[in-house]
N, C-alpha and C. Protein backbone atom coordinates (compact mmCIF):
# COMPACT_ATOMS: atom_id res chain seq x y z
N MET A 1 0.82 -1.20 0.00
CA MET A 1 0.00 0.00 0.00
C MET A 1 0.86 1.27 0.00
N ASP A 2 1.97 1.24 0.76
CA ASP A 2 2.85 2.40 0.78
C ASP A 2 3.41 2.72 -0.60
N SER A 3 3.79 1.69 -1.34
CA SER A 3 4.37 1.92 -2.66
C SER A 3 3.32 2.43 -3.65
N ILE A 4 2.08 1.97 -3.53
CA ILE A 4 1.01 2.48 -4.39
C ILE A 4 0.79 3.96 -4.10
N ASP A 5 0.74 4.32 -2.84
CA ASP A 5 0.56 5.71 -2.45
C ASP A 5 1.70 6.57 -2.98
N LEU A 6 2.92 6.07 -2.87
CA LEU A 6 4.09 6.81 -3.36
C LEU A 6 4.03 7.00 -4.87
N VAL A 7 3.73 5.96 -5.60
CA VAL A 7 3.66 6.06 -7.06
C VAL A 7 2.55 7.03 -7.48
N LEU A 8 1.40 6.94 -6.84
CA LEU A 8 0.31 7.86 -7.16
C LEU A 8 0.70 9.31 -6.86
N ALA A 9 1.37 9.54 -5.74
CA ALA A 9 1.82 10.89 -5.39
C ALA A 9 2.83 11.42 -6.40
N ILE A 10 3.77 10.57 -6.80
CA ILE A 10 4.79 10.99 -7.77
C ILE A 10 4.13 11.36 -9.10
N ILE A 11 3.27 10.49 -9.58
CA ILE A 11 2.59 10.76 -10.86
C ILE A 11 1.78 12.05 -10.76
N HIS A 12 1.04 12.19 -9.68
CA HIS A 12 0.20 13.38 -9.49
C HIS A 12 1.05 14.65 -9.49
N HIS A 13 2.14 14.64 -8.74
CA HIS A 13 3.00 15.83 -8.67
C HIS A 13 3.66 16.14 -10.01
N LEU A 14 4.13 15.13 -10.71
CA LEU A 14 4.74 15.37 -12.02
C LEU A 14 3.74 15.97 -13.00
N LEU A 15 2.52 15.48 -12.96
CA LEU A 15 1.48 16.04 -13.83
C LEU A 15 1.16 17.49 -13.47
N VAL A 16 1.07 17.77 -12.19
CA VAL A 16 0.77 19.15 -11.76
C VAL A 16 1.91 20.09 -12.17
N PHE A 17 3.15 19.66 -12.00
CA PHE A 17 4.28 20.49 -12.43
C PHE A 17 4.28 20.66 -13.95
N SER A 18 3.88 19.64 -14.68
CA SER A 18 3.77 19.75 -16.13
C SER A 18 2.73 20.79 -16.53
N LEU A 19 1.61 20.79 -15.82
CA LEU A 19 0.57 21.77 -16.10
C LEU A 19 1.07 23.18 -15.82
N ALA A 20 1.83 23.34 -14.76
CA ALA A 20 2.42 24.66 -14.46
C ALA A 20 3.32 25.10 -15.60
N GLY A 21 4.11 24.17 -16.13
CA GLY A 21 4.99 24.50 -17.26
C GLY A 21 4.21 24.90 -18.50
N ILE A 22 3.09 24.22 -18.73
CA ILE A 22 2.26 24.54 -19.90
C ILE A 22 1.65 25.92 -19.75
N ILE A 23 1.16 26.23 -18.56
CA ILE A 23 0.60 27.58 -18.34
C ILE A 23 1.69 28.62 -18.57
N GLY A 24 2.89 28.34 -18.09
CA GLY A 24 4.01 29.26 -18.31
C GLY A 24 4.35 29.41 -19.78
N ALA A 25 4.34 28.30 -20.52
CA ALA A 25 4.63 28.35 -21.95
C ALA A 25 3.58 29.17 -22.69
N GLU A 26 2.33 28.98 -22.34
CA GLU A 26 1.28 29.76 -22.98
C GLU A 26 1.45 31.25 -22.67
N PHE A 27 1.79 31.55 -21.43
CA PHE A 27 1.98 32.95 -21.05
C PHE A 27 3.10 33.59 -21.88
N VAL A 28 4.17 32.85 -22.08
CA VAL A 28 5.31 33.38 -22.83
C VAL A 28 4.96 33.53 -24.31
N LEU A 29 4.23 32.59 -24.88
CA LEU A 29 3.93 32.62 -26.31
C LEU A 29 2.84 33.61 -26.70
N VAL A 30 1.96 33.94 -25.77
CA VAL A 30 0.85 34.85 -26.09
C VAL A 30 1.34 36.29 -25.94
N ARG A 31 2.02 36.73 -27.01
CA ARG A 31 2.54 38.10 -26.99
C ARG A 31 2.86 38.53 -28.41
N GLY A 32 2.92 39.82 -28.59
CA GLY A 32 3.36 40.40 -29.85
C GLY A 32 2.62 39.89 -31.07
N ASP A 33 3.38 39.71 -32.12
CA ASP A 33 2.83 39.30 -33.40
C ASP A 33 2.85 37.78 -33.49
N LEU A 34 1.69 37.17 -33.45
CA LEU A 34 1.60 35.71 -33.49
C LEU A 34 1.47 35.23 -34.93
N GLY A 35 2.50 34.56 -35.41
CA GLY A 35 2.46 34.00 -36.75
C GLY A 35 1.74 32.66 -36.75
N ALA A 36 1.53 32.13 -37.94
CA ALA A 36 0.81 30.86 -38.09
C ALA A 36 1.51 29.73 -37.34
N ALA A 37 2.85 29.69 -37.38
CA ALA A 37 3.59 28.62 -36.69
C ALA A 37 3.40 28.71 -35.18
N THR A 38 3.43 29.91 -34.63
CA THR A 38 3.23 30.09 -33.20
C THR A 38 1.80 29.73 -32.80
N LEU A 39 0.85 30.10 -33.64
CA LEU A 39 -0.55 29.76 -33.35
C LEU A 39 -0.76 28.26 -33.36
N LYS A 40 -0.12 27.58 -34.30
CA LYS A 40 -0.22 26.13 -34.35
C LYS A 40 0.43 25.52 -33.11
N ARG A 41 1.57 26.06 -32.71
CA ARG A 41 2.25 25.59 -31.50
C ARG A 41 1.38 25.81 -30.27
N LEU A 42 0.75 26.98 -30.17
CA LEU A 42 -0.14 27.27 -29.04
C LEU A 42 -1.31 26.29 -28.99
N ALA A 43 -1.89 25.99 -30.14
CA ALA A 43 -3.01 25.04 -30.18
C ALA A 43 -2.54 23.65 -29.72
N GLY A 44 -1.34 23.25 -30.12
CA GLY A 44 -0.79 21.96 -29.69
C GLY A 44 -0.49 21.93 -28.21
N ILE A 45 0.10 23.00 -27.70
CA ILE A 45 0.40 23.09 -26.27
C ILE A 45 -0.90 23.04 -25.48
N ASP A 46 -1.90 23.74 -25.98
CA ASP A 46 -3.18 23.78 -25.27
C ASP A 46 -3.87 22.42 -25.29
N ARG A 47 -3.67 21.66 -26.35
CA ARG A 47 -4.21 20.29 -26.40
C ARG A 47 -3.57 19.45 -25.29
N HIS A 48 -2.27 19.61 -25.11
CA HIS A 48 -1.58 18.90 -24.03
C HIS A 48 -2.08 19.38 -22.66
N TYR A 49 -2.41 20.65 -22.56
CA TYR A 49 -2.98 21.21 -21.34
C TYR A 49 -4.21 20.39 -20.94
N GLY A 50 -5.12 20.19 -21.89
CA GLY A 50 -6.34 19.45 -21.60
C GLY A 50 -6.07 18.00 -21.21
N ILE A 51 -5.15 17.37 -21.92
CA ILE A 51 -4.82 15.97 -21.62
C ILE A 51 -4.23 15.85 -20.22
N ILE A 52 -3.29 16.73 -19.90
CA ILE A 52 -2.65 16.67 -18.58
C ILE A 52 -3.65 17.00 -17.48
N ALA A 53 -4.52 17.98 -17.72
CA ALA A 53 -5.53 18.31 -16.71
C ALA A 53 -6.44 17.11 -16.44
N ALA A 54 -6.82 16.40 -17.49
CA ALA A 54 -7.65 15.20 -17.31
C ALA A 54 -6.90 14.12 -16.54
N LEU A 55 -5.61 13.95 -16.85
CA LEU A 55 -4.81 12.96 -16.12
C LEU A 55 -4.63 13.34 -14.65
N ILE A 56 -4.54 14.64 -14.37
CA ILE A 56 -4.45 15.11 -12.98
C ILE A 56 -5.71 14.71 -12.22
N VAL A 57 -6.86 14.89 -12.85
CA VAL A 57 -8.12 14.52 -12.21
C VAL A 57 -8.15 13.01 -11.93
N VAL A 58 -7.78 12.22 -12.93
CA VAL A 58 -7.76 10.76 -12.75
C VAL A 58 -6.78 10.38 -11.64
N GLY A 59 -5.58 10.95 -11.69
CA GLY A 59 -4.59 10.66 -10.65
C GLY A 59 -5.04 11.09 -9.28
N GLY A 60 -5.69 12.25 -9.20
CA GLY A 60 -6.20 12.73 -7.92
C GLY A 60 -7.29 11.84 -7.36
N VAL A 61 -8.18 11.39 -8.22
CA VAL A 61 -9.24 10.47 -7.78
C VAL A 61 -8.61 9.17 -7.27
N CYS A 62 -7.60 8.69 -7.97
CA CYS A 62 -6.90 7.46 -7.52
C CYS A 62 -6.24 7.68 -6.17
N ARG A 63 -5.67 8.85 -5.95
CA ARG A 63 -5.06 9.13 -4.64
C ARG A 63 -6.11 9.15 -3.54
N VAL A 64 -7.26 9.74 -3.83
CA VAL A 64 -8.34 9.77 -2.83
C VAL A 64 -8.82 8.36 -2.52
N LEU A 65 -9.01 7.56 -3.55
CA LEU A 65 -9.58 6.22 -3.37
C LEU A 65 -8.57 5.18 -2.88
N PHE A 66 -7.33 5.28 -3.34
CA PHE A 66 -6.36 4.22 -3.06
C PHE A 66 -5.18 4.67 -2.21
N GLY A 67 -5.13 5.95 -1.85
CA GLY A 67 -4.02 6.47 -1.06
C GLY A 67 -4.12 6.09 0.41
N LEU A 68 -3.03 6.29 1.11
CA LEU A 68 -2.95 5.90 2.52
C LEU A 68 -3.88 6.69 3.44
N LYS A 69 -4.15 7.95 3.08
CA LYS A 69 -4.95 8.78 3.98
C LYS A 69 -6.42 8.39 4.00
N GLY A 70 -6.89 7.74 2.95
CA GLY A 70 -8.30 7.35 2.89
C GLY A 70 -9.17 8.51 2.41
N TRP A 71 -10.28 8.16 1.81
CA TRP A 71 -11.15 9.18 1.23
C TRP A 71 -11.73 10.13 2.26
N GLU A 72 -11.91 9.66 3.50
CA GLU A 72 -12.49 10.52 4.54
C GLU A 72 -11.63 11.75 4.81
N PHE A 73 -10.30 11.55 4.75
CA PHE A 73 -9.39 12.68 4.96
C PHE A 73 -9.69 13.80 3.99
N TYR A 74 -9.99 13.45 2.75
CA TYR A 74 -10.21 14.44 1.71
C TYR A 74 -11.62 15.00 1.73
N VAL A 75 -12.59 14.14 1.84
CA VAL A 75 -13.99 14.56 1.72
C VAL A 75 -14.39 15.55 2.81
N TYR A 76 -13.83 15.40 3.99
CA TYR A 76 -14.21 16.26 5.11
C TYR A 76 -13.20 17.37 5.37
N ASN A 77 -12.33 17.63 4.42
CA ASN A 77 -11.27 18.62 4.59
C ASN A 77 -11.57 19.85 3.74
N TRP A 78 -11.81 20.99 4.39
CA TRP A 78 -12.15 22.20 3.64
C TRP A 78 -10.98 22.69 2.78
N VAL A 79 -9.74 22.42 3.20
CA VAL A 79 -8.59 22.84 2.41
C VAL A 79 -8.55 22.05 1.09
N PHE A 80 -8.89 20.78 1.15
CA PHE A 80 -8.98 19.97 -0.06
C PHE A 80 -9.99 20.59 -1.03
N TRP A 81 -11.14 20.98 -0.52
CA TRP A 81 -12.17 21.56 -1.38
C TRP A 81 -11.75 22.92 -1.91
N ALA A 82 -10.98 23.67 -1.13
CA ALA A 82 -10.44 24.94 -1.63
C ALA A 82 -9.47 24.67 -2.79
N LYS A 83 -8.66 23.63 -2.63
CA LYS A 83 -7.73 23.24 -3.69
C LYS A 83 -8.50 22.82 -4.94
N MET A 84 -9.56 22.05 -4.76
CA MET A 84 -10.38 21.62 -5.89
C MET A 84 -11.05 22.82 -6.57
N ALA A 85 -11.49 23.77 -5.76
CA ALA A 85 -12.11 24.98 -6.33
C ALA A 85 -11.09 25.76 -7.15
N ALA A 86 -9.88 25.90 -6.64
CA ALA A 86 -8.82 26.60 -7.39
C ALA A 86 -8.55 25.89 -8.71
N PHE A 87 -8.47 24.56 -8.67
CA PHE A 87 -8.23 23.78 -9.89
C PHE A 87 -9.38 23.98 -10.88
N ALA A 88 -10.61 23.96 -10.39
CA ALA A 88 -11.78 24.15 -11.26
C ALA A 88 -11.79 25.55 -11.87
N ILE A 89 -11.43 26.55 -11.08
CA ILE A 89 -11.39 27.92 -11.59
C ILE A 89 -10.33 28.04 -12.69
N VAL A 90 -9.17 27.45 -12.46
CA VAL A 90 -8.13 27.46 -13.49
C VAL A 90 -8.66 26.81 -14.77
N GLY A 91 -9.34 25.69 -14.61
CA GLY A 91 -9.91 25.01 -15.77
C GLY A 91 -10.94 25.86 -16.50
N LEU A 92 -11.78 26.52 -15.76
CA LEU A 92 -12.79 27.39 -16.38
C LEU A 92 -12.14 28.58 -17.08
N LEU A 93 -11.12 29.15 -16.45
CA LEU A 93 -10.41 30.27 -17.08
C LEU A 93 -9.71 29.85 -18.37
N SER A 94 -9.37 28.58 -18.49
CA SER A 94 -8.65 28.12 -19.68
C SER A 94 -9.54 27.95 -20.90
N ILE A 95 -10.85 27.99 -20.71
CA ILE A 95 -11.77 27.77 -21.83
C ILE A 95 -11.63 28.86 -22.89
N VAL A 96 -11.61 30.12 -22.46
CA VAL A 96 -11.52 31.22 -23.43
C VAL A 96 -10.22 31.15 -24.24
N PRO A 97 -9.05 31.01 -23.60
CA PRO A 97 -7.84 30.87 -24.42
C PRO A 97 -7.89 29.67 -25.37
N THR A 98 -8.41 28.56 -24.92
CA THR A 98 -8.50 27.38 -25.79
C THR A 98 -9.32 27.68 -27.02
N MET A 99 -10.48 28.29 -26.83
CA MET A 99 -11.34 28.61 -27.96
C MET A 99 -10.66 29.60 -28.91
N ARG A 100 -9.97 30.58 -28.34
CA ARG A 100 -9.28 31.56 -29.18
C ARG A 100 -8.11 30.93 -29.94
N PHE A 101 -7.32 30.09 -29.27
CA PHE A 101 -6.18 29.44 -29.94
C PHE A 101 -6.66 28.63 -31.14
N LEU A 102 -7.75 27.88 -30.95
CA LEU A 102 -8.29 27.08 -32.04
C LEU A 102 -8.79 27.96 -33.18
N SER A 103 -9.51 29.01 -32.83
CA SER A 103 -10.04 29.93 -33.83
C SER A 103 -8.92 30.63 -34.59
N TRP A 104 -7.95 31.15 -33.86
CA TRP A 104 -6.83 31.84 -34.50
C TRP A 104 -6.04 30.90 -35.40
N SER A 105 -5.82 29.69 -34.94
CA SER A 105 -5.06 28.72 -35.73
C SER A 105 -5.79 28.38 -37.03
N ARG A 106 -7.10 28.19 -36.96
CA ARG A 106 -7.90 27.93 -38.16
C ARG A 106 -7.84 29.13 -39.12
N GLN A 107 -8.00 30.32 -38.56
CA GLN A 107 -7.99 31.52 -39.40
C GLN A 107 -6.63 31.71 -40.06
N ALA A 108 -5.56 31.46 -39.32
CA ALA A 108 -4.22 31.63 -39.87
C ALA A 108 -3.95 30.60 -40.96
N SER A 109 -4.53 29.39 -40.82
CA SER A 109 -4.35 28.35 -41.84
C SER A 109 -5.06 28.71 -43.14
N SER A 110 -6.22 29.34 -43.01
CA SER A 110 -7.01 29.65 -44.21
C SER A 110 -6.68 31.02 -44.80
N THR A 111 -6.16 31.92 -43.98
CA THR A 111 -5.84 33.27 -44.45
C THR A 111 -4.40 33.60 -44.06
N PRO A 112 -3.47 33.52 -45.00
CA PRO A 112 -2.06 33.74 -44.68
C PRO A 112 -1.77 35.13 -44.07
N SER A 113 -2.59 36.10 -44.38
CA SER A 113 -2.35 37.45 -43.86
C SER A 113 -3.06 37.69 -42.52
N PHE A 114 -3.62 36.64 -41.93
CA PHE A 114 -4.36 36.79 -40.67
C PHE A 114 -3.46 37.35 -39.58
N ALA A 115 -4.00 38.32 -38.87
CA ALA A 115 -3.30 38.89 -37.70
C ALA A 115 -4.27 38.83 -36.52
N VAL A 116 -3.77 38.38 -35.41
CA VAL A 116 -4.60 38.30 -34.20
C VAL A 116 -4.96 39.72 -33.77
N PRO A 117 -6.25 39.98 -33.60
CA PRO A 117 -6.66 41.32 -33.13
C PRO A 117 -6.04 41.62 -31.76
N ALA A 118 -5.53 42.83 -31.61
CA ALA A 118 -4.83 43.23 -30.38
C ALA A 118 -5.71 43.08 -29.15
N ALA A 119 -6.98 43.42 -29.26
CA ALA A 119 -7.88 43.32 -28.10
C ALA A 119 -8.07 41.86 -27.68
N GLU A 120 -8.19 40.96 -28.65
CA GLU A 120 -8.34 39.54 -28.33
C GLU A 120 -7.06 39.00 -27.69
N LEU A 121 -5.91 39.42 -28.23
CA LEU A 121 -4.63 38.99 -27.68
C LEU A 121 -4.49 39.45 -26.23
N ALA A 122 -4.84 40.70 -25.97
CA ALA A 122 -4.75 41.23 -24.60
C ALA A 122 -5.70 40.49 -23.67
N SER A 123 -6.89 40.18 -24.15
CA SER A 123 -7.86 39.45 -23.34
C SER A 123 -7.34 38.06 -22.98
N VAL A 124 -6.80 37.35 -23.97
CA VAL A 124 -6.27 36.01 -23.73
C VAL A 124 -5.09 36.07 -22.77
N LYS A 125 -4.24 37.06 -22.94
CA LYS A 125 -3.10 37.22 -22.03
C LYS A 125 -3.59 37.39 -20.59
N ASN A 126 -4.66 38.15 -20.40
CA ASN A 126 -5.22 38.34 -19.06
C ASN A 126 -5.78 37.03 -18.49
N TYR A 127 -6.43 36.26 -19.34
CA TYR A 127 -6.96 34.96 -18.89
C TYR A 127 -5.82 34.04 -18.47
N VAL A 128 -4.77 33.97 -19.28
CA VAL A 128 -3.64 33.10 -18.96
C VAL A 128 -2.95 33.59 -17.68
N ARG A 129 -2.83 34.89 -17.53
CA ARG A 129 -2.24 35.46 -16.31
C ARG A 129 -3.09 35.07 -15.08
N ALA A 130 -4.40 35.18 -15.21
CA ALA A 130 -5.29 34.80 -14.11
C ALA A 130 -5.18 33.31 -13.79
N GLU A 131 -5.07 32.49 -14.84
CA GLU A 131 -4.87 31.05 -14.62
C GLU A 131 -3.62 30.82 -13.78
N GLY A 132 -2.54 31.48 -14.16
CA GLY A 132 -1.28 31.32 -13.43
C GLY A 132 -1.37 31.76 -11.99
N LEU A 133 -2.03 32.86 -11.75
CA LEU A 133 -2.16 33.37 -10.38
C LEU A 133 -3.01 32.45 -9.51
N ILE A 134 -4.14 32.00 -10.03
CA ILE A 134 -5.00 31.08 -9.27
C ILE A 134 -4.29 29.73 -9.09
N PHE A 135 -3.56 29.31 -10.12
CA PHE A 135 -2.83 28.04 -10.04
C PHE A 135 -1.86 28.04 -8.86
N LEU A 136 -1.29 29.20 -8.53
CA LEU A 136 -0.36 29.29 -7.40
C LEU A 136 -1.00 28.88 -6.08
N LEU A 137 -2.31 29.00 -5.98
CA LEU A 137 -3.01 28.60 -4.76
C LEU A 137 -3.02 27.09 -4.56
N ILE A 138 -2.94 26.35 -5.65
CA ILE A 138 -3.05 24.89 -5.57
C ILE A 138 -1.94 24.29 -4.70
N PRO A 139 -0.66 24.59 -4.96
CA PRO A 139 0.37 24.03 -4.07
C PRO A 139 0.32 24.59 -2.65
N VAL A 140 -0.19 25.80 -2.50
CA VAL A 140 -0.35 26.37 -1.15
C VAL A 140 -1.36 25.52 -0.37
N PHE A 141 -2.51 25.25 -0.99
CA PHE A 141 -3.51 24.41 -0.33
C PHE A 141 -3.01 22.98 -0.13
N ALA A 142 -2.25 22.46 -1.10
CA ALA A 142 -1.72 21.10 -0.98
C ALA A 142 -0.75 21.00 0.19
N ALA A 143 0.10 22.00 0.36
CA ALA A 143 1.06 22.00 1.47
C ALA A 143 0.32 22.08 2.80
N ALA A 144 -0.70 22.92 2.87
CA ALA A 144 -1.48 23.04 4.11
C ALA A 144 -2.19 21.72 4.43
N MET A 145 -2.76 21.12 3.41
CA MET A 145 -3.48 19.87 3.60
C MET A 145 -2.53 18.75 4.05
N ALA A 146 -1.34 18.71 3.46
CA ALA A 146 -0.37 17.67 3.83
C ALA A 146 0.07 17.79 5.29
N ARG A 147 -0.09 18.98 5.85
CA ARG A 147 0.29 19.20 7.25
C ARG A 147 -0.90 19.12 8.19
N GLY A 148 -2.04 18.66 7.67
CA GLY A 148 -3.19 18.40 8.53
C GLY A 148 -4.15 19.54 8.69
N TYR A 149 -3.95 20.64 8.00
CA TYR A 149 -4.91 21.76 8.11
C TYR A 149 -6.21 21.39 7.42
N GLY A 150 -7.30 21.87 7.96
CA GLY A 150 -8.60 21.71 7.35
C GLY A 150 -9.38 20.47 7.70
N TYR A 151 -8.76 19.58 8.46
CA TYR A 151 -9.42 18.32 8.76
C TYR A 151 -10.07 18.37 10.12
């Protein structure tokens, strides 16, 4: 049981760190003049964002169900639910950038002279920035929960 818990924790943490890297990559790429190649790269990175987020959910559910602490530790812990809320908010904030990346990529493929409207670019940058800021709460809540807060 200890080794299962350890493997689940390692997988979960690696996935969460990967998601942080993806949010950072999106933040860096969403700037200035976005060419067709960058838009295609953004759409690909964002696709990985969704896959990794889904794997985080699966891994998290496995930790709750099969981890050493037991599901009761999580279900009755307000810090856990705060962490889940932060994760959900990050996911909801990612919808607008995802839709824009797909739209921009399609437009750039069909119209070589396509330029991302400045207002849309600024809006997406704000969404990605908000995702990053809210995402910072997740490890804060995780650290508090690991030390027994909220139970």
